[in-house]
Amino acid sequence: MWLASYPRSGNTFLRMLLHEAFGLKTYSLAGTREMATSGEEVGRLVGDMNVDWTDAVSATIRSDTVPHFVKTHEEPISTNDPCIYVVRDGRSAVVSYHHYLREVDGLDKSLDDVIDGRVYAGSWSEHYLNWLPRHRQNTLLLRYEAITDDPNQAVEDVAAFLGMLPVRDFSIDFSYLHQLQPALFRVGDDAPNIAELGPSEPRFRERHGAVMRELGYYDP
């Protein structure tokens, strides 16, 4: 099962929810490189399998009768694989991704580069349209705000989708994550990110307004 999202949209928080509430371990297409950046404690919290992704690993997972959960920011490989897709207000996602690229990856990318999709993950709205989580079969669409603002409801939604009962309550607080890795967990609230758009707001609206309206982040 894919755990898909545009970068900086709550995928790591979802992995933590799956691990703590359901006892599920997860993989990442980024493999060991991701946890080398995130650190050992984050790896423990997400239940990372610490495996580099190869064709052999993919084949083993696909042939297994037990479900496996794989984080990805890539385009979908197949329309048949089950998926949990996490979406975040695009204004907040692009600003957060801009900070990550500069402060964690050390890349000289402008905010307009991210808005235009001139980055690894491409365009925020094109990523959503490639996955089409509202119309894709066997797919649960979760909102970032739902996971961070009401994680207990998110646990219930995931439980219903997976057909599994949670094994414990979800208790991880964003403030703890910020203290643990402030560069990775910069701000949990979308408002400060949205405020940073400033003069780039018209550019963002032109490129992503249609999807923002579809998701209810802009008025129709």
N, C-alpha and C. Protein backbone atom coordinates (compact mmCIF):
# COMPACT_ATOMS: atom_id res chain seq x y z
N MET A 1 0.85 -1.20 0.00
CA MET A 1 0.00 0.00 0.00
C MET A 1 0.88 1.24 0.00
N TRP A 2 0.56 2.17 -0.91
CA TRP A 2 1.32 3.41 -0.99
C TRP A 2 0.84 4.40 0.07
N LEU A 3 1.79 5.10 0.66
CA LEU A 3 1.53 6.26 1.51
C LEU A 3 2.06 7.45 0.71
N ALA A 4 1.17 8.09 -0.03
CA ALA A 4 1.59 9.06 -1.03
C ALA A 4 1.24 10.48 -0.61
N SER A 5 2.10 11.41 -1.01
CA SER A 5 1.83 12.83 -0.78
C SER A 5 2.85 13.66 -1.52
N TYR A 6 2.52 14.91 -1.73
CA TYR A 6 3.53 15.90 -2.12
C TYR A 6 4.42 16.11 -0.89
N PRO A 7 5.71 16.41 -1.09
CA PRO A 7 6.58 16.62 0.08
C PRO A 7 6.03 17.66 1.05
N ARG A 8 6.31 17.44 2.31
CA ARG A 8 5.96 18.36 3.40
C ARG A 8 4.45 18.47 3.59
N SER A 9 3.76 17.35 3.41
CA SER A 9 2.30 17.34 3.51
C SER A 9 1.77 16.45 4.61
N GLY A 10 2.64 15.89 5.45
CA GLY A 10 2.17 15.10 6.58
C GLY A 10 2.37 13.60 6.44
N ASN A 11 3.13 13.19 5.43
CA ASN A 11 3.35 11.76 5.23
C ASN A 11 4.10 11.12 6.39
N THR A 12 5.10 11.81 6.91
CA THR A 12 5.86 11.27 8.03
C THR A 12 4.98 11.16 9.27
N PHE A 13 4.11 12.16 9.47
CA PHE A 13 3.18 12.10 10.61
C PHE A 13 2.22 10.92 10.45
N LEU A 14 1.79 10.65 9.22
CA LEU A 14 0.94 9.49 8.96
C LEU A 14 1.67 8.20 9.31
N ARG A 15 2.93 8.10 8.95
CA ARG A 15 3.71 6.90 9.29
C ARG A 15 3.80 6.71 10.80
N MET A 16 3.94 7.81 11.53
CA MET A 16 3.96 7.72 12.98
C MET A 16 2.62 7.21 13.52
N LEU A 17 1.54 7.71 12.92
CA LEU A 17 0.21 7.27 13.34
C LEU A 17 0.04 5.78 13.08
N LEU A 18 0.47 5.30 11.93
CA LEU A 18 0.35 3.88 11.61
C LEU A 18 1.18 3.03 12.56
N HIS A 19 2.34 3.55 12.94
CA HIS A 19 3.21 2.76 13.81
C HIS A 19 2.70 2.73 15.24
N GLU A 20 2.36 3.89 15.79
CA GLU A 20 1.95 3.92 17.18
C GLU A 20 0.54 3.34 17.38
N ALA A 21 -0.40 3.76 16.55
CA ALA A 21 -1.79 3.35 16.76
C ALA A 21 -2.07 1.93 16.28
N PHE A 22 -1.35 1.48 15.24
CA PHE A 22 -1.64 0.17 14.66
C PHE A 22 -0.47 -0.82 14.76
N GLY A 23 0.68 -0.34 15.22
CA GLY A 23 1.84 -1.23 15.33
C GLY A 23 2.42 -1.62 13.99
N LEU A 24 2.21 -0.78 12.95
CA LEU A 24 2.66 -1.12 11.60
C LEU A 24 3.99 -0.45 11.29
N LYS A 25 4.90 -1.21 10.71
CA LYS A 25 6.15 -0.66 10.22
C LYS A 25 5.99 -0.27 8.75
N THR A 26 6.79 0.69 8.32
CA THR A 26 6.64 1.20 6.96
C THR A 26 8.00 1.34 6.27
N TYR A 27 7.95 1.33 4.95
CA TYR A 27 9.12 1.55 4.12
C TYR A 27 9.07 2.98 3.54
N SER A 28 10.18 3.37 2.92
CA SER A 28 10.22 4.61 2.16
C SER A 28 10.97 4.36 0.87
N LEU A 29 10.45 4.91 -0.23
CA LEU A 29 11.18 4.78 -1.49
C LEU A 29 12.55 5.44 -1.42
N ALA A 30 12.70 6.41 -0.51
CA ALA A 30 13.99 7.08 -0.34
C ALA A 30 14.99 6.20 0.39
N GLY A 31 14.51 5.10 0.98
CA GLY A 31 15.39 4.15 1.65
C GLY A 31 16.11 4.73 2.85
N THR A 32 17.33 4.26 3.06
CA THR A 32 18.09 4.66 4.25
C THR A 32 18.50 6.12 4.20
N ARG A 33 18.48 6.75 3.01
CA ARG A 33 18.86 8.16 2.90
C ARG A 33 17.93 9.05 3.71
N GLU A 34 16.65 8.68 3.74
CA GLU A 34 15.67 9.50 4.45
C GLU A 34 15.95 9.51 5.95
N MET A 35 16.19 8.34 6.52
CA MET A 35 16.42 8.29 7.96
C MET A 35 17.80 8.83 8.33
N ALA A 36 18.73 8.81 7.39
CA ALA A 36 20.03 9.44 7.66
C ALA A 36 19.85 10.93 7.90
N THR A 37 18.86 11.52 7.20
CA THR A 37 18.55 12.93 7.39
C THR A 37 17.68 13.15 8.63
N SER A 38 16.72 12.26 8.83
CA SER A 38 15.73 12.45 9.89
C SER A 38 16.25 12.10 11.27
N GLY A 39 17.14 11.13 11.35
CA GLY A 39 17.69 10.75 12.64
C GLY A 39 17.06 9.48 13.20
N GLU A 40 17.76 8.88 14.14
CA GLU A 40 17.37 7.58 14.69
C GLU A 40 16.02 7.62 15.40
N GLU A 41 15.76 8.69 16.17
CA GLU A 41 14.51 8.75 16.93
C GLU A 41 13.31 8.88 16.00
N VAL A 42 13.42 9.69 14.95
CA VAL A 42 12.33 9.79 13.99
C VAL A 42 12.12 8.44 13.31
N GLY A 43 13.20 7.77 12.98
CA GLY A 43 13.09 6.43 12.39
C GLY A 43 12.35 5.48 13.28
N ARG A 44 12.59 5.57 14.58
CA ARG A 44 11.88 4.71 15.53
C ARG A 44 10.40 5.07 15.58
N LEU A 45 10.11 6.36 15.59
CA LEU A 45 8.72 6.80 15.70
C LEU A 45 7.89 6.41 14.48
N VAL A 46 8.50 6.41 13.30
CA VAL A 46 7.75 6.04 12.09
C VAL A 46 7.76 4.54 11.85
N GLY A 47 8.54 3.79 12.64
CA GLY A 47 8.64 2.35 12.41
C GLY A 47 9.29 2.04 11.08
N ASP A 48 10.35 2.79 10.75
CA ASP A 48 11.00 2.64 9.44
C ASP A 48 11.69 1.29 9.33
N MET A 49 11.52 0.64 8.18
CA MET A 49 12.12 -0.67 7.95
C MET A 49 13.61 -0.59 7.61
N ASN A 50 14.09 0.65 7.34
CA ASN A 50 15.52 0.87 7.11
C ASN A 50 16.06 -0.04 6.00
N VAL A 51 15.36 -0.02 4.86
CA VAL A 51 15.72 -0.85 3.72
C VAL A 51 15.87 0.04 2.50
N ASP A 52 16.96 -0.13 1.75
CA ASP A 52 17.10 0.59 0.49
C ASP A 52 16.22 -0.07 -0.56
N TRP A 53 15.50 0.75 -1.30
CA TRP A 53 14.51 0.24 -2.25
C TRP A 53 15.20 -0.29 -3.50
N THR A 54 14.94 -1.53 -3.83
CA THR A 54 15.47 -2.17 -5.04
C THR A 54 14.35 -2.92 -5.72
N ASP A 55 14.61 -3.37 -6.94
CA ASP A 55 13.61 -4.17 -7.66
C ASP A 55 13.32 -5.46 -6.90
N ALA A 56 14.35 -6.02 -6.25
CA ALA A 56 14.16 -7.25 -5.50
C ALA A 56 13.25 -7.03 -4.30
N VAL A 57 13.45 -5.91 -3.59
CA VAL A 57 12.59 -5.59 -2.46
C VAL A 57 11.15 -5.38 -2.94
N SER A 58 10.99 -4.65 -4.03
CA SER A 58 9.66 -4.41 -4.58
C SER A 58 8.97 -5.72 -4.95
N ALA A 59 9.70 -6.62 -5.60
CA ALA A 59 9.13 -7.90 -6.01
C ALA A 59 8.71 -8.73 -4.81
N THR A 60 9.53 -8.72 -3.76
CA THR A 60 9.22 -9.48 -2.55
C THR A 60 7.95 -8.95 -1.90
N ILE A 61 7.84 -7.63 -1.81
CA ILE A 61 6.66 -7.02 -1.20
C ILE A 61 5.40 -7.32 -2.00
N ARG A 62 5.50 -7.21 -3.32
CA ARG A 62 4.32 -7.42 -4.16
C ARG A 62 3.84 -8.87 -4.13
N SER A 63 4.76 -9.79 -3.89
CA SER A 63 4.38 -11.20 -3.87
C SER A 63 3.88 -11.66 -2.50
N ASP A 64 4.02 -10.81 -1.49
CA ASP A 64 3.62 -11.18 -0.13
C ASP A 64 2.11 -11.02 0.04
N THR A 65 1.53 -11.92 0.82
CA THR A 65 0.09 -11.83 1.10
C THR A 65 -0.20 -10.84 2.22
N VAL A 66 0.82 -10.45 2.98
CA VAL A 66 0.66 -9.48 4.06
C VAL A 66 0.86 -8.08 3.49
N PRO A 67 0.01 -7.11 3.82
CA PRO A 67 0.18 -5.76 3.27
C PRO A 67 1.45 -5.08 3.78
N HIS A 68 2.09 -4.35 2.92
CA HIS A 68 3.26 -3.53 3.26
C HIS A 68 2.93 -2.08 2.92
N PHE A 69 3.54 -1.16 3.65
CA PHE A 69 3.21 0.26 3.52
C PHE A 69 4.47 1.02 3.11
N VAL A 70 4.37 1.74 2.00
CA VAL A 70 5.55 2.36 1.40
C VAL A 70 5.29 3.84 1.15
N LYS A 71 6.11 4.69 1.77
CA LYS A 71 6.01 6.13 1.56
C LYS A 71 6.58 6.50 0.20
N THR A 72 5.87 7.39 -0.50
CA THR A 72 6.36 7.86 -1.79
C THR A 72 5.91 9.30 -2.06
N HIS A 73 6.78 10.04 -2.75
CA HIS A 73 6.41 11.34 -3.31
C HIS A 73 6.39 11.27 -4.83
N GLU A 74 6.55 10.07 -5.37
CA GLU A 74 6.61 9.90 -6.81
C GLU A 74 5.20 9.86 -7.42
N GLU A 75 5.16 9.88 -8.75
CA GLU A 75 3.90 9.66 -9.46
C GLU A 75 3.47 8.20 -9.27
N PRO A 76 2.18 7.90 -9.40
CA PRO A 76 1.73 6.52 -9.21
C PRO A 76 2.29 5.58 -10.27
N ILE A 77 2.68 4.39 -9.83
CA ILE A 77 3.18 3.37 -10.73
C ILE A 77 2.02 2.60 -11.36
N SER A 78 0.97 2.41 -10.56
CA SER A 78 -0.18 1.64 -11.01
C SER A 78 -1.44 2.24 -10.42
N THR A 79 -2.56 2.07 -11.12
CA THR A 79 -3.83 2.54 -10.59
C THR A 79 -4.50 1.50 -9.71
N ASN A 80 -3.89 0.32 -9.61
CA ASN A 80 -4.52 -0.78 -8.88
C ASN A 80 -4.07 -0.89 -7.43
N ASP A 81 -2.89 -0.38 -7.12
CA ASP A 81 -2.37 -0.52 -5.75
C ASP A 81 -3.18 0.33 -4.78
N PRO A 82 -3.54 -0.22 -3.61
CA PRO A 82 -4.21 0.60 -2.60
C PRO A 82 -3.31 1.72 -2.12
N CYS A 83 -3.91 2.79 -1.62
CA CYS A 83 -3.14 3.98 -1.30
C CYS A 83 -3.83 4.81 -0.22
N ILE A 84 -3.05 5.40 0.65
CA ILE A 84 -3.50 6.50 1.50
C ILE A 84 -2.78 7.74 0.99
N TYR A 85 -3.55 8.72 0.53
CA TYR A 85 -2.96 9.95 -0.01
C TYR A 85 -3.22 11.08 0.97
N VAL A 86 -2.15 11.78 1.35
CA VAL A 86 -2.27 12.90 2.28
C VAL A 86 -2.11 14.20 1.51
N VAL A 87 -3.09 15.10 1.66
CA VAL A 87 -3.02 16.39 0.99
C VAL A 87 -2.98 17.50 2.04
N ARG A 88 -2.22 18.53 1.74
CA ARG A 88 -2.11 19.70 2.61
C ARG A 88 -2.41 20.94 1.78
N ASP A 89 -2.97 21.95 2.41
CA ASP A 89 -3.17 23.24 1.74
C ASP A 89 -1.90 23.56 0.93
N GLY A 90 -2.06 23.70 -0.38
CA GLY A 90 -0.91 23.86 -1.25
C GLY A 90 -0.04 25.05 -0.91
N ARG A 91 -0.63 26.12 -0.42
CA ARG A 91 0.16 27.29 -0.04
C ARG A 91 1.15 26.94 1.06
N SER A 92 0.68 26.18 2.03
CA SER A 92 1.53 25.78 3.14
C SER A 92 2.56 24.74 2.70
N ALA A 93 2.13 23.82 1.84
CA ALA A 93 3.03 22.76 1.39
C ALA A 93 4.22 23.32 0.61
N VAL A 94 3.96 24.27 -0.31
CA VAL A 94 5.07 24.78 -1.13
C VAL A 94 6.03 25.62 -0.30
N VAL A 95 5.51 26.37 0.65
CA VAL A 95 6.39 27.17 1.51
C VAL A 95 7.24 26.25 2.38
N SER A 96 6.61 25.23 2.97
CA SER A 96 7.35 24.28 3.80
C SER A 96 8.41 23.54 2.98
N TYR A 97 8.04 23.15 1.76
CA TYR A 97 9.00 22.44 0.89
C TYR A 97 10.15 23.37 0.50
N HIS A 98 9.85 24.63 0.27
CA HIS A 98 10.89 25.61 -0.05
C HIS A 98 11.91 25.68 1.09
N HIS A 99 11.42 25.77 2.33
CA HIS A 99 12.33 25.79 3.48
C HIS A 99 13.15 24.50 3.55
N TYR A 100 12.50 23.38 3.32
CA TYR A 100 13.20 22.08 3.42
C TYR A 100 14.32 22.00 2.38
N LEU A 101 14.02 22.38 1.16
CA LEU A 101 15.03 22.29 0.10
C LEU A 101 16.25 23.14 0.43
N ARG A 102 16.02 24.32 0.99
CA ARG A 102 17.13 25.22 1.28
C ARG A 102 17.85 24.87 2.58
N GLU A 103 17.09 24.55 3.62
CA GLU A 103 17.68 24.41 4.96
C GLU A 103 18.11 22.99 5.29
N VAL A 104 17.52 22.00 4.64
CA VAL A 104 17.88 20.60 4.90
C VAL A 104 18.69 20.04 3.74
N ASP A 105 18.19 20.20 2.51
CA ASP A 105 18.90 19.67 1.35
C ASP A 105 20.00 20.59 0.85
N GLY A 106 20.00 21.87 1.30
CA GLY A 106 21.04 22.80 0.88
C GLY A 106 20.97 23.19 -0.59
N LEU A 107 19.75 23.20 -1.15
CA LEU A 107 19.57 23.54 -2.57
C LEU A 107 19.10 24.98 -2.73
N ASP A 108 19.66 25.66 -3.70
CA ASP A 108 19.33 27.07 -3.93
C ASP A 108 18.09 27.15 -4.82
N LYS A 109 16.95 26.89 -4.23
CA LYS A 109 15.68 26.94 -4.95
C LYS A 109 14.83 28.06 -4.38
N SER A 110 14.24 28.86 -5.28
CA SER A 110 13.39 29.95 -4.85
C SER A 110 11.98 29.42 -4.59
N LEU A 111 11.19 30.23 -3.90
CA LEU A 111 9.79 29.86 -3.67
C LEU A 111 9.06 29.73 -5.01
N ASP A 112 9.36 30.61 -5.96
CA ASP A 112 8.72 30.52 -7.27
C ASP A 112 9.11 29.24 -8.00
N ASP A 113 10.34 28.74 -7.77
CA ASP A 113 10.72 27.46 -8.36
C ASP A 113 9.79 26.34 -7.88
N VAL A 114 9.48 26.36 -6.59
CA VAL A 114 8.60 25.33 -6.03
C VAL A 114 7.18 25.51 -6.56
N ILE A 115 6.70 26.74 -6.56
CA ILE A 115 5.34 27.01 -7.07
C ILE A 115 5.20 26.55 -8.52
N ASP A 116 6.23 26.77 -9.33
CA ASP A 116 6.19 26.41 -10.74
C ASP A 116 6.47 24.92 -10.98
N GLY A 117 6.92 24.21 -9.94
CA GLY A 117 7.20 22.79 -10.10
C GLY A 117 8.59 22.49 -10.62
N ARG A 118 9.52 23.44 -10.52
CA ARG A 118 10.89 23.22 -11.00
C ARG A 118 11.75 22.61 -9.89
N VAL A 119 11.22 21.54 -9.29
CA VAL A 119 11.86 20.84 -8.19
C VAL A 119 11.61 19.34 -8.35
N TYR A 120 12.29 18.55 -7.53
CA TYR A 120 12.21 17.09 -7.65
C TYR A 120 10.78 16.57 -7.71
N ALA A 121 9.91 17.03 -6.83
CA ALA A 121 8.56 16.48 -6.77
C ALA A 121 7.62 17.11 -7.78
N GLY A 122 8.09 18.09 -8.54
CA GLY A 122 7.25 18.73 -9.53
C GLY A 122 6.24 19.68 -8.91
N SER A 123 5.12 19.82 -9.58
CA SER A 123 4.08 20.77 -9.20
C SER A 123 3.13 20.18 -8.17
N TRP A 124 2.75 20.99 -7.19
CA TRP A 124 1.82 20.53 -6.15
C TRP A 124 0.51 20.04 -6.75
N SER A 125 -0.10 20.83 -7.61
CA SER A 125 -1.40 20.43 -8.17
C SER A 125 -1.26 19.27 -9.14
N GLU A 126 -0.18 19.23 -9.93
CA GLU A 126 0.00 18.11 -10.84
C GLU A 126 0.21 16.81 -10.09
N HIS A 127 0.87 16.88 -8.94
CA HIS A 127 1.05 15.68 -8.11
C HIS A 127 -0.31 15.16 -7.68
N TYR A 128 -1.17 16.04 -7.21
CA TYR A 128 -2.51 15.63 -6.81
C TYR A 128 -3.29 15.07 -8.00
N LEU A 129 -3.22 15.72 -9.15
CA LEU A 129 -3.97 15.27 -10.32
C LEU A 129 -3.44 13.96 -10.88
N ASN A 130 -2.15 13.70 -10.68
CA ASN A 130 -1.60 12.41 -11.11
C ASN A 130 -2.15 11.25 -10.28
N TRP A 131 -2.36 11.52 -8.98
CA TRP A 131 -2.88 10.46 -8.11
C TRP A 131 -4.41 10.42 -8.09
N LEU A 132 -5.05 11.58 -8.27
CA LEU A 132 -6.52 11.67 -8.24
C LEU A 132 -7.12 10.84 -7.09
N PRO A 133 -6.76 11.15 -5.86
CA PRO A 133 -7.18 10.30 -4.74
C PRO A 133 -8.68 10.23 -4.52
N ARG A 134 -9.42 11.24 -4.95
CA ARG A 134 -10.88 11.21 -4.77
C ARG A 134 -11.56 10.22 -5.72
N HIS A 135 -10.90 9.90 -6.82
CA HIS A 135 -11.50 9.05 -7.84
C HIS A 135 -10.78 7.71 -7.99
N ARG A 136 -9.61 7.59 -7.38
CA ARG A 136 -8.81 6.38 -7.52
C ARG A 136 -9.39 5.26 -6.65
N GLN A 137 -9.46 4.07 -7.17
CA GLN A 137 -10.00 2.95 -6.40
C GLN A 137 -9.06 2.59 -5.26
N ASN A 138 -9.63 2.02 -4.20
CA ASN A 138 -8.86 1.55 -3.04
C ASN A 138 -7.96 2.64 -2.46
N THR A 139 -8.50 3.86 -2.39
CA THR A 139 -7.68 4.99 -1.92
C THR A 139 -8.42 5.77 -0.85
N LEU A 140 -7.70 6.09 0.21
CA LEU A 140 -8.21 6.96 1.27
C LEU A 140 -7.52 8.31 1.15
N LEU A 141 -8.31 9.38 1.05
CA LEU A 141 -7.76 10.74 1.04
C LEU A 141 -7.82 11.30 2.45
N LEU A 142 -6.66 11.64 3.00
CA LEU A 142 -6.57 12.26 4.31
C LEU A 142 -6.03 13.68 4.15
N ARG A 143 -6.53 14.58 4.95
CA ARG A 143 -6.01 15.94 4.95
C ARG A 143 -5.00 16.11 6.09
N TYR A 144 -3.96 16.87 5.79
CA TYR A 144 -2.95 17.17 6.81
C TYR A 144 -3.58 17.71 8.08
N GLU A 145 -4.54 18.63 7.90
CA GLU A 145 -5.18 19.25 9.06
C GLU A 145 -5.91 18.21 9.91
N ALA A 146 -6.48 17.21 9.26
CA ALA A 146 -7.21 16.17 10.00
C ALA A 146 -6.26 15.36 10.87
N ILE A 147 -5.08 15.07 10.33
CA ILE A 147 -4.11 14.27 11.10
C ILE A 147 -3.56 15.06 12.27
N THR A 148 -3.24 16.34 12.05
CA THR A 148 -2.61 17.13 13.11
C THR A 148 -3.61 17.71 14.10
N ASP A 149 -4.81 18.09 13.61
CA ASP A 149 -5.79 18.72 14.49
C ASP A 149 -6.63 17.71 15.26
N ASP A 150 -6.94 16.58 14.63
CA ASP A 150 -7.79 15.58 15.27
C ASP A 150 -7.26 14.19 14.94
N PRO A 151 -6.10 13.83 15.50
CA PRO A 151 -5.49 12.54 15.16
C PRO A 151 -6.36 11.34 15.53
N ASN A 152 -7.19 11.46 16.57
CA ASN A 152 -8.04 10.34 16.94
C ASN A 152 -9.06 10.03 15.83
N GLN A 153 -9.60 11.08 15.21
CA GLN A 153 -10.51 10.85 14.09
C GLN A 153 -9.76 10.26 12.91
N ALA A 154 -8.53 10.72 12.68
CA ALA A 154 -7.72 10.17 11.60
C ALA A 154 -7.47 8.69 11.83
N VAL A 155 -7.23 8.31 13.10
CA VAL A 155 -7.04 6.89 13.43
C VAL A 155 -8.30 6.10 13.06
N GLU A 156 -9.46 6.65 13.39
CA GLU A 156 -10.72 5.97 13.05
C GLU A 156 -10.88 5.83 11.54
N ASP A 157 -10.54 6.87 10.79
CA ASP A 157 -10.66 6.83 9.33
C ASP A 157 -9.72 5.77 8.74
N VAL A 158 -8.50 5.74 9.24
CA VAL A 158 -7.53 4.76 8.76
C VAL A 158 -7.97 3.35 9.14
N ALA A 159 -8.48 3.19 10.36
CA ALA A 159 -8.93 1.87 10.82
C ALA A 159 -10.04 1.34 9.92
N ALA A 160 -10.99 2.20 9.57
CA ALA A 160 -12.09 1.78 8.70
C ALA A 160 -11.58 1.41 7.31
N PHE A 161 -10.61 2.17 6.81
CA PHE A 161 -10.07 1.91 5.47
C PHE A 161 -9.28 0.61 5.45
N LEU A 162 -8.48 0.38 6.49
CA LEU A 162 -7.63 -0.82 6.53
C LEU A 162 -8.39 -2.05 7.00
N GLY A 163 -9.52 -1.85 7.66
CA GLY A 163 -10.23 -2.97 8.26
C GLY A 163 -9.47 -3.53 9.45
N MET A 164 -8.81 -2.63 10.19
CA MET A 164 -8.01 -3.03 11.35
C MET A 164 -8.44 -2.23 12.57
N LEU A 165 -8.28 -2.81 13.73
CA LEU A 165 -8.52 -2.09 14.96
C LEU A 165 -7.20 -1.53 15.48
N PRO A 166 -7.19 -0.28 15.95
CA PRO A 166 -5.96 0.26 16.55
C PRO A 166 -5.60 -0.50 17.82
N VAL A 167 -4.30 -0.57 18.09
CA VAL A 167 -3.83 -1.30 19.27
C VAL A 167 -3.57 -0.37 20.44
N ARG A 168 -3.45 0.93 20.16
CA ARG A 168 -3.24 1.90 21.25
C ARG A 168 -3.63 3.29 20.74
N ASP A 169 -3.74 4.23 21.67
CA ASP A 169 -4.03 5.62 21.30
C ASP A 169 -2.81 6.25 20.64
N PHE A 170 -3.08 7.26 19.82
CA PHE A 170 -2.00 8.01 19.19
C PHE A 170 -1.70 9.22 20.06
N SER A 171 -0.45 9.39 20.48
CA SER A 171 -0.15 10.41 21.49
C SER A 171 0.97 11.35 21.09
N ILE A 172 1.56 11.21 19.91
CA ILE A 172 2.71 12.02 19.53
C ILE A 172 2.25 13.45 19.25
N ASP A 173 2.89 14.40 19.90
CA ASP A 173 2.54 15.81 19.79
C ASP A 173 3.53 16.52 18.87
N PHE A 174 3.03 17.46 18.04
CA PHE A 174 3.91 18.15 17.11
C PHE A 174 4.99 18.95 17.82
N SER A 175 4.67 19.49 18.98
CA SER A 175 5.66 20.28 19.70
C SER A 175 6.88 19.43 20.09
N TYR A 176 6.63 18.16 20.41
CA TYR A 176 7.75 17.26 20.70
C TYR A 176 8.60 17.03 19.46
N LEU A 177 7.95 16.85 18.32
CA LEU A 177 8.67 16.64 17.07
C LEU A 177 9.49 17.88 16.70
N HIS A 178 8.92 19.06 16.96
CA HIS A 178 9.66 20.30 16.67
C HIS A 178 10.92 20.39 17.53
N GLN A 179 10.80 20.03 18.80
CA GLN A 179 11.98 20.04 19.67
C GLN A 179 13.00 19.00 19.21
N LEU A 180 12.52 17.89 18.71
CA LEU A 180 13.39 16.80 18.29
C LEU A 180 14.15 17.16 17.02
N GLN A 181 13.45 17.68 16.01
CA GLN A 181 14.05 18.02 14.72
C GLN A 181 13.39 19.28 14.18
N PRO A 182 13.81 20.47 14.66
CA PRO A 182 13.13 21.71 14.27
C PRO A 182 13.19 22.01 12.77
N ALA A 183 14.22 21.56 12.08
CA ALA A 183 14.30 21.81 10.65
C ALA A 183 13.30 20.96 9.88
N LEU A 184 13.04 19.75 10.37
CA LEU A 184 12.10 18.85 9.69
C LEU A 184 10.66 19.15 10.08
N PHE A 185 10.45 19.47 11.36
CA PHE A 185 9.10 19.74 11.86
C PHE A 185 9.07 21.22 12.27
N ARG A 186 9.06 22.07 11.27
CA ARG A 186 9.27 23.52 11.47
C ARG A 186 8.07 24.16 12.12
N VAL A 187 6.90 24.06 11.47
CA VAL A 187 5.66 24.57 12.04
C VAL A 187 4.53 23.59 11.71
N GLY A 188 3.66 23.34 12.66
CA GLY A 188 2.53 22.45 12.42
C GLY A 188 1.32 23.19 11.89
N ASP A 189 1.22 24.46 12.23
CA ASP A 189 0.08 25.29 11.81
C ASP A 189 0.33 25.82 10.40
N ASP A 190 -0.67 25.77 9.55
CA ASP A 190 -0.50 26.24 8.17
C ASP A 190 -0.42 27.76 8.07
N ALA A 191 -1.00 28.48 9.01
CA ALA A 191 -1.12 29.93 8.88
C ALA A 191 0.23 30.64 8.67
N PRO A 192 1.29 30.32 9.45
CA PRO A 192 2.56 31.02 9.22
C PRO A 192 3.13 30.75 7.83
N ASN A 193 2.98 29.53 7.35
CA ASN A 193 3.46 29.22 6.00
C ASN A 193 2.69 30.02 4.96
N ILE A 194 1.37 30.04 5.08
CA ILE A 194 0.55 30.76 4.11
C ILE A 194 0.91 32.24 4.09
N ALA A 195 1.19 32.79 5.28
CA ALA A 195 1.55 34.21 5.36
C ALA A 195 2.85 34.51 4.61
N GLU A 196 3.72 33.51 4.50
CA GLU A 196 5.01 33.71 3.84
C GLU A 196 4.90 33.81 2.32
N LEU A 197 3.78 33.39 1.77
CA LEU A 197 3.63 33.46 0.31
C LEU A 197 3.78 34.89 -0.20
N GLY A 198 3.16 35.82 0.53
CA GLY A 198 3.31 37.24 0.20
C GLY A 198 3.08 37.53 -1.26
N PRO A 199 4.05 38.17 -1.92
CA PRO A 199 3.87 38.57 -3.32
C PRO A 199 3.77 37.40 -4.30
N SER A 200 4.07 36.19 -3.84
CA SER A 200 3.97 35.02 -4.72
C SER A 200 2.57 34.42 -4.74
N GLU A 201 1.66 34.98 -3.93
CA GLU A 201 0.30 34.46 -3.87
C GLU A 201 -0.40 34.47 -5.24
N PRO A 202 -0.36 35.58 -6.02
CA PRO A 202 -1.01 35.54 -7.34
C PRO A 202 -0.44 34.46 -8.25
N ARG A 203 0.88 34.27 -8.21
CA ARG A 203 1.51 33.23 -9.02
C ARG A 203 1.01 31.86 -8.61
N PHE A 204 0.93 31.63 -7.30
CA PHE A 204 0.42 30.35 -6.81
C PHE A 204 -1.02 30.16 -7.23
N ARG A 205 -1.84 31.20 -7.08
CA ARG A 205 -3.26 31.09 -7.40
C ARG A 205 -3.46 30.77 -8.89
N GLU A 206 -2.66 31.38 -9.74
CA GLU A 206 -2.78 31.14 -11.18
C GLU A 206 -2.49 29.68 -11.52
N ARG A 207 -1.47 29.11 -10.89
CA ARG A 207 -1.04 27.76 -11.24
C ARG A 207 -1.81 26.66 -10.50
N HIS A 208 -2.31 26.97 -9.32
CA HIS A 208 -2.89 25.91 -8.50
C HIS A 208 -4.31 26.19 -8.02
N GLY A 209 -4.89 27.29 -8.50
CA GLY A 209 -6.20 27.70 -8.01
C GLY A 209 -7.29 26.66 -8.24
N ALA A 210 -7.26 25.98 -9.38
CA ALA A 210 -8.33 25.01 -9.69
C ALA A 210 -8.37 23.88 -8.68
N VAL A 211 -7.21 23.31 -8.37
CA VAL A 211 -7.16 22.21 -7.40
C VAL A 211 -7.46 22.72 -5.99
N MET A 212 -6.99 23.91 -5.68
CA MET A 212 -7.29 24.49 -4.37
C MET A 212 -8.79 24.65 -4.18
N ARG A 213 -9.48 25.08 -5.23
CA ARG A 213 -10.94 25.22 -5.14
C ARG A 213 -11.62 23.86 -5.04
N GLU A 214 -11.13 22.89 -5.80
CA GLU A 214 -11.71 21.53 -5.72
C GLU A 214 -11.61 20.97 -4.32
N LEU A 215 -10.51 21.26 -3.63
CA LEU A 215 -10.30 20.73 -2.29
C LEU A 215 -10.89 21.61 -1.19
N GLY A 216 -11.43 22.78 -1.57
CA GLY A 216 -12.06 23.64 -0.60
C GLY A 216 -11.11 24.58 0.12
N TYR A 217 -9.87 24.68 -0.34
CA TYR A 217 -8.94 25.61 0.29
C TYR A 217 -9.16 27.04 -0.20
N TYR A 218 -9.73 27.19 -1.40
CA TYR A 218 -10.21 28.47 -1.91
C TYR A 218 -11.72 28.37 -2.07
N ASP A 219 -12.39 29.50 -1.96
CA ASP A 219 -13.83 29.52 -2.24
C ASP A 219 -14.06 29.20 -3.71
N PRO A 220 -15.18 28.53 -4.04
CA PRO A 220 -15.49 28.19 -5.44
C PRO A 220 -15.50 29.44 -6.33
